[in-house]
Protein backbone atom coordinates (compact mmCIF):
# COMPACT_ATOMS: atom_id res chain seq x y z
CA UNK A 1 81.00 172.50 118.45
CA UNK A 2 83.31 171.12 121.12
CA UNK A 3 83.98 174.49 122.69
CA UNK A 4 80.27 175.05 123.32
CA UNK A 5 77.79 173.31 125.63
CA UNK A 6 77.60 170.47 126.50
CA UNK A 7 81.33 169.87 125.85
CA UNK A 8 83.07 173.06 126.95
CA UNK A 9 86.50 172.03 125.71
CA UNK A 10 89.25 174.64 125.63
CA UNK A 11 90.87 175.49 122.31
CA UNK A 12 94.04 173.71 123.42
CA UNK A 13 92.07 170.49 123.96
CA UNK A 14 90.38 170.79 120.57
CA UNK A 15 93.73 171.43 118.85
CA UNK A 16 95.27 168.51 120.74
CA UNK A 17 92.47 166.21 119.58
CA UNK A 18 93.02 167.31 115.96
CA UNK A 19 96.74 166.60 116.27
CA UNK A 20 96.04 163.13 117.69
CA UNK A 21 93.72 162.35 114.77
CA UNK A 22 96.47 163.48 112.39
CA UNK A 23 99.20 161.45 114.09
CA UNK A 24 97.00 158.33 114.23
CA UNK A 25 96.25 158.53 110.51
CA UNK A 26 92.53 159.17 110.83
CA UNK A 27 92.74 162.54 109.09
CA UNK A 28 95.12 164.16 106.61
CA UNK A 29 96.22 167.79 106.73
CA UNK A 30 96.36 169.99 103.63
CA UNK A 31 97.81 173.45 103.17
CA UNK A 32 96.64 174.50 99.74
CA UNK A 33 96.89 171.29 97.74
CA UNK A 34 99.94 170.00 99.61
CA UNK A 35 99.64 167.27 102.24
CA UNK A 36 101.71 167.93 105.35
CA UNK A 37 102.74 165.81 108.32
CA UNK A 38 102.12 166.53 111.98
CA UNK A 39 105.76 167.60 112.25
CA UNK A 40 105.09 170.45 109.82
CA UNK A 41 102.02 171.63 111.71
CA UNK A 42 102.07 173.73 114.86
CA UNK A 43 99.12 175.16 116.80
CA UNK A 44 99.32 178.54 115.07
CA UNK A 45 98.69 176.94 111.66
CA UNK A 46 95.75 174.73 112.61
CA UNK A 47 93.19 177.43 111.84
CA UNK A 48 94.39 177.82 108.22
CA UNK A 49 94.80 174.09 107.57
CA UNK A 50 92.23 171.87 105.91
CA UNK A 51 91.62 168.47 107.49
CA UNK A 52 90.07 165.55 105.66
CA UNK A 53 88.92 162.28 107.12
CA UNK A 54 90.89 159.34 105.78
CA UNK A 55 88.69 156.51 104.57
CA UNK A 56 88.79 153.58 104.31
CA UNK A 57 90.62 152.74 107.53
CA UNK A 58 93.83 150.76 107.09
CA UNK A 59 94.97 148.14 109.58
CA UNK A 60 98.45 148.16 111.09
CA UNK A 61 99.44 145.07 109.06
CA UNK A 62 98.27 146.71 105.84
CA UNK A 63 100.36 149.79 106.59
CA UNK A 64 103.39 147.60 107.26
CA UNK A 65 103.00 145.94 103.84
CA UNK A 66 102.63 149.34 102.19
CA UNK A 67 105.77 150.68 103.88
CA UNK A 68 107.69 147.60 102.74
CA UNK A 69 106.68 148.41 99.17
CA UNK A 70 107.81 152.00 99.58
CA UNK A 71 111.21 151.05 100.98
CA UNK A 72 111.73 148.52 98.16
CA UNK A 73 112.14 151.50 95.81
CA UNK A 74 114.10 153.58 98.36
CA UNK A 75 111.19 155.79 99.38
CA UNK A 76 111.33 156.67 103.07
CA UNK A 77 108.09 155.70 104.79
CA UNK A 78 107.53 156.55 108.43
CA UNK A 79 104.59 155.14 110.41
CA UNK A 80 101.66 157.54 110.27
CA UNK A 81 103.05 159.35 107.22
CA UNK A 82 102.30 156.74 104.58
CA UNK A 83 100.02 159.06 102.61
CA UNK A 84 102.88 161.58 102.32
CA UNK A 85 105.27 158.93 101.00
CA UNK A 86 102.71 157.62 98.49
CA UNK A 87 103.22 160.57 96.12
CA UNK A 88 106.99 159.99 96.03
CA UNK A 89 106.36 156.26 95.59
CA UNK A 90 104.24 156.80 92.48
CA UNK A 91 106.86 159.19 91.05
CA UNK A 92 109.59 156.62 91.63
CA UNK A 93 107.52 153.88 89.98
CA UNK A 94 107.13 156.06 86.88
CA UNK A 95 110.89 156.62 86.74
CA UNK A 96 111.58 152.90 87.01
CA UNK A 97 108.98 152.08 84.38
CA UNK A 98 110.62 154.58 82.02
CA UNK A 99 114.06 153.05 82.69
CA UNK A 100 112.82 149.54 81.81
CA UNK A 101 112.66 150.26 78.06
CA UNK A 102 113.40 152.88 75.45
CA UNK A 103 114.14 153.46 71.80
CA UNK A 104 115.10 150.55 69.55
CA UNK A 105 116.86 148.17 70.01
CA UNK A 106 115.43 148.34 73.55
CA UNK A 107 111.95 146.98 74.18
CA UNK A 108 109.05 149.42 74.33
CA UNK A 109 108.61 150.94 77.77
CA UNK A 110 105.96 148.98 79.71
CA UNK A 111 102.56 150.61 80.12
CA UNK A 112 100.66 150.20 83.37
CA UNK A 113 97.15 151.63 83.58
CA UNK A 114 97.07 151.06 87.33
CA UNK A 115 99.83 153.66 87.83
CA UNK A 116 97.59 156.40 86.48
CA UNK A 117 94.74 155.09 88.60
CA UNK A 118 96.87 155.13 91.75
CA UNK A 119 98.21 158.59 90.92
CA UNK A 120 94.70 160.02 90.70
CA UNK A 121 93.82 158.93 94.25
CA UNK A 122 94.81 160.56 97.53
CA UNK A 123 94.97 159.71 101.20
CA UNK A 124 93.77 156.31 102.32
CA UNK A 125 92.01 155.73 99.00
CA UNK A 126 95.43 155.83 97.37
CA UNK A 127 97.02 153.66 100.04
CA UNK A 128 94.20 151.12 99.82
CA UNK A 129 94.68 150.84 96.07
CA UNK A 130 98.43 150.40 96.52
CA UNK A 131 97.74 147.60 99.00
CA UNK A 132 95.24 146.02 96.63
CA UNK A 133 97.82 146.09 93.80
CA UNK A 134 100.77 145.04 95.99
CA UNK A 135 101.42 141.69 94.29
CA UNK A 136 101.37 143.25 90.83
CA UNK A 137 103.53 146.11 92.08
CA UNK A 138 106.14 143.79 93.57
CA UNK A 139 106.39 141.82 90.32
CA UNK A 140 106.71 144.98 88.22
CA UNK A 141 109.31 146.54 90.52
CA UNK A 142 111.46 143.41 90.27
CA UNK A 143 110.99 143.09 86.50
CA UNK A 144 111.78 146.77 85.87
CA UNK A 145 114.95 146.52 87.96
CA UNK A 146 116.12 143.47 86.01
CA UNK A 147 115.44 145.28 82.75
CA UNK A 148 117.21 148.50 83.76
CA UNK A 149 120.22 146.54 85.07
CA UNK A 150 120.40 144.62 81.78
CA UNK A 151 120.14 147.85 79.78
CA UNK A 152 123.08 149.33 81.70
CA UNK A 153 125.22 146.34 80.68
CA UNK A 154 123.98 145.68 77.16
CA UNK A 155 123.50 149.14 75.66
CA UNK A 156 127.24 150.01 75.67
CA UNK A 157 127.97 146.65 73.96
CA UNK A 158 125.30 147.42 71.39
CA UNK A 159 127.01 150.73 70.60
CA UNK A 160 130.26 148.79 70.12
CA UNK A 161 128.53 146.38 67.72
CA UNK A 162 126.99 149.27 65.82
CA UNK A 163 130.42 150.85 65.28
CA UNK A 164 131.96 147.51 64.30
CA UNK A 165 129.14 146.83 61.82
CA UNK A 166 129.81 150.12 60.06
CA UNK A 167 133.33 148.88 59.26
CA UNK A 168 132.64 145.31 58.15
CA UNK A 169 129.99 146.02 55.52
CA UNK A 170 132.36 145.49 52.59
CA UNK A 171 134.12 142.46 54.09
CA UNK A 172 133.31 138.84 53.31
CA UNK A 173 130.75 137.78 55.95
CA UNK A 174 130.12 141.37 57.01
CA UNK A 175 126.72 141.59 55.36
CA UNK A 176 125.36 138.78 57.53
CA UNK A 177 126.59 140.50 60.70
CA UNK A 178 124.97 143.77 59.63
CA UNK A 179 121.69 142.02 58.84
CA UNK A 180 121.61 140.32 62.24
CA UNK A 181 122.38 143.62 63.98
CA UNK A 182 119.58 145.30 62.01
CA UNK A 183 117.22 142.49 63.04
CA UNK A 184 118.05 143.10 66.71
CA UNK A 185 117.21 146.77 66.26
CA UNK A 186 114.02 146.33 64.29
CA UNK A 187 112.81 143.55 66.57
CA UNK A 188 113.85 145.47 69.71
CA UNK A 189 115.38 142.28 71.07
CA UNK A 190 118.45 143.65 72.85
CA UNK A 191 117.28 142.28 76.19
CA UNK A 192 116.52 138.80 74.86
CA UNK A 193 118.24 135.83 76.42
CA UNK A 194 120.76 134.67 75.47
CA UNK A 195 122.30 138.07 74.74
CA UNK A 196 122.62 138.22 70.93
CA UNK A 197 125.27 140.96 70.83
CA UNK A 198 128.58 139.47 72.16
CA UNK A 199 128.73 136.75 69.49
CA UNK A 200 128.21 139.29 66.71
CA UNK A 201 130.87 141.56 68.24
CA UNK A 202 133.31 138.63 68.27
CA UNK A 203 132.58 137.79 64.64
CA UNK A 204 132.98 141.41 63.53
CA UNK A 205 136.23 141.69 65.49
CA UNK A 206 137.65 138.58 63.81
CA UNK A 207 136.75 139.95 60.37
CA UNK A 208 138.45 143.25 61.09
CA UNK A 209 141.58 141.58 62.50
CA UNK A 210 141.86 139.32 59.49
């Protein structure tokens, strides 16, 4: 189209225009099903690359907010390459969601329908949805980090309590400790505040020392 009348552009000009659209975030480049950045694309590959228009258009301030979200979970996000970072961002969110729960006595892993919805989108549709969900995402990221940090501290203590409970069963007062430990497991309350485990560990330790 642009090489013919009335334009008469050279192929270099056409290729340059395509690259500018890619750099400015107006189109995305795909090789197969993989999105690539302008740094991965040279002039010899333009002819075998698929280009898709990115809609809706995102403002500069929206992109800044999106990049802040990405960096909050240690996903590198360079200007103009937000759609490339979005896939890694969704993967990282899934990992953090998984780490925020587990088998008993840990709470059930949180379910978030919006993660599947975001994962099914691509390009600016995906980025727009991430921006739309940014408040919910920020809250979940913070909550999942608190949970995973607490798990790292409390799970080893729980294993200590479990071993202690195995040895106090026949002792006077041991049954109560075992019942409370079993209640923590069945109720999946290991992350409750205040932490229920240290006091039970202390009581079991006293029984064993006596």
